[in-house]
Amino acid sequence: MSAEEITSSVETIEIEAEKIIEKARKQASGIILKARDEAGRITSAELSLKEMEKEQEQIISAARKQADREIENAKKRAAGIREGAGKKTGKIVERMVNIVTGAEVK
């Protein structure tokens, strides 16, 4: 496997990791949007102002926490993908060095 192929493989993995993070961000945005919609629905109902504000804050807070969890999970998955790529690259480089130097390939 050539250095270009290794670089291409690592870049592909990094792109996939970025896609996962972007997907989590979109999901988080959707969650927050739904929370705002729900808060707006509550606002239009006949509740006291203090009750509305309290419930609105609870909904938005819960949505933010869920969005943060989604983003954090996506970052962990992306880090795992990157770590795996680094290990694979190291093994490939070691194999190439062994081939070039004539060392016994394991």
Protein backbone atom coordinates (compact mmCIF):
# COMPACT_ATOMS: atom_id res chain seq x y z
CA MET A 1 0.00 0.00 0.00
CA SER A 2 1.54 3.30 -1.07
CA ALA A 3 1.83 6.42 1.03
CA GLU A 4 -0.82 8.03 -1.17
CA GLU A 5 -3.21 5.18 -0.50
CA ILE A 6 -2.55 5.44 3.24
CA THR A 7 -3.12 9.19 3.17
CA SER A 8 -6.28 8.72 1.15
CA SER A 9 -7.51 6.07 3.58
CA VAL A 10 -6.86 8.29 6.60
CA GLU A 11 -8.55 11.24 4.89
CA THR A 12 -11.56 9.08 4.10
CA ILE A 13 -11.81 8.03 7.74
CA GLU A 14 -11.52 11.63 8.92
CA ILE A 15 -14.23 12.71 6.48
CA GLU A 16 -16.49 9.96 7.83
CA ALA A 17 -15.81 11.13 11.39
CA GLU A 18 -16.71 14.69 10.43
CA LYS A 19 -19.94 13.43 8.85
CA ILE A 20 -20.85 11.73 12.14
CA ILE A 21 -20.22 14.92 14.09
CA GLU A 22 -22.21 16.99 11.58
CA LYS A 23 -25.10 14.53 11.78
CA ALA A 24 -25.08 14.84 15.58
CA ARG A 25 -25.08 18.62 15.29
CA LYS A 26 -28.07 18.49 12.94
CA GLN A 27 -29.88 16.18 15.34
CA ALA A 28 -29.09 18.55 18.19
CA SER A 29 -30.44 21.48 16.18
CA GLY A 30 -33.58 19.51 15.47
CA ILE A 31 -34.03 18.72 19.14
CA ILE A 32 -33.64 22.36 20.10
CA LEU A 33 -36.05 23.41 17.34
CA LYS A 34 -38.63 20.92 18.58
CA ALA A 35 -38.13 22.20 22.12
CA ARG A 36 -38.73 25.75 20.96
CA ASP A 37 -41.84 24.68 19.08
CA GLU A 38 -43.09 22.92 22.18
CA ALA A 39 -42.29 25.99 24.25
CA GLY A 40 -44.24 28.11 21.77
CA ARG A 41 -47.18 25.74 21.97
CA ILE A 42 -47.12 25.98 25.72
CA THR A 43 -46.94 29.75 25.50
CA SER A 44 -50.11 29.84 23.43
CA ALA A 45 -51.96 27.73 26.00
CA GLU A 46 -53.74 29.36 28.92
CA LEU A 47 -51.11 29.00 31.63
CA SER A 48 -49.82 31.57 34.01
CA LEU A 49 -46.74 33.43 32.82
CA LYS A 50 -44.54 32.00 35.56
CA GLU A 51 -45.65 28.45 34.83
CA MET A 52 -45.00 28.94 31.13
CA GLU A 53 -41.54 30.34 31.68
CA LYS A 54 -40.64 27.53 34.06
CA GLU A 55 -41.87 24.80 31.71
CA GLN A 56 -40.25 26.48 28.72
CA GLU A 57 -36.88 26.58 30.48
CA GLN A 58 -37.22 22.94 31.52
CA ILE A 59 -37.96 21.85 27.96
CA ILE A 60 -35.12 23.89 26.49
CA SER A 61 -32.72 22.69 29.20
CA ALA A 62 -33.65 19.05 28.57
CA ALA A 63 -33.24 19.55 24.82
CA ARG A 64 -29.81 21.14 25.26
CA LYS A 65 -28.68 18.30 27.52
CA GLN A 66 -29.83 15.74 24.98
CA ALA A 67 -28.17 17.67 22.15
CA ASP A 68 -24.92 17.88 24.14
CA ARG A 69 -25.03 14.12 24.76
CA GLU A 70 -25.56 13.46 21.04
CA ILE A 71 -22.62 15.68 20.11
CA GLU A 72 -20.38 14.13 22.78
CA ASN A 73 -21.26 10.61 21.60
CA ALA A 74 -20.52 11.59 18.02
CA LYS A 75 -17.16 13.05 19.04
CA LYS A 76 -16.30 9.81 20.86
CA ARG A 77 -17.23 7.73 17.81
CA ALA A 78 -15.17 10.03 15.58
CA ALA A 79 -12.19 9.79 17.95
CA GLY A 80 -12.46 6.01 17.85
CA ILE A 81 -12.45 6.06 14.08
CA ARG A 82 -9.40 8.32 14.01
CA GLU A 83 -7.59 6.15 16.56
CA GLY A 84 -8.30 3.06 14.48
CA ALA A 85 -6.95 4.80 11.41
CA GLY A 86 -3.76 5.71 13.23
CA LYS A 87 -3.19 2.10 14.32
CA LYS A 88 -3.85 0.79 10.82
CA THR A 89 -1.49 3.34 9.32
CA GLY A 90 1.24 2.36 11.80
CA LYS A 91 0.89 -1.32 10.90
CA ILE A 92 0.99 -0.57 7.19
CA VAL A 93 4.08 1.60 7.55
CA GLU A 94 5.80 -1.10 9.61
CA ARG A 95 4.97 -3.68 6.95
CA MET A 96 6.30 -1.43 4.19
CA VAL A 97 9.54 -0.86 6.11
CA ASN A 98 9.94 -4.62 6.58
CA ILE A 99 9.39 -5.19 2.85
CA VAL A 100 11.87 -2.47 1.87
CA THR A 101 14.52 -3.59 4.36
CA GLY A 102 13.98 -7.27 3.65
CA ALA A 103 13.01 -8.00 7.23
CA GLU A 104 10.77 -10.97 7.86
CA VAL A 105 7.11 -10.01 7.52
CA LYS A 106 5.00 -11.12 10.47
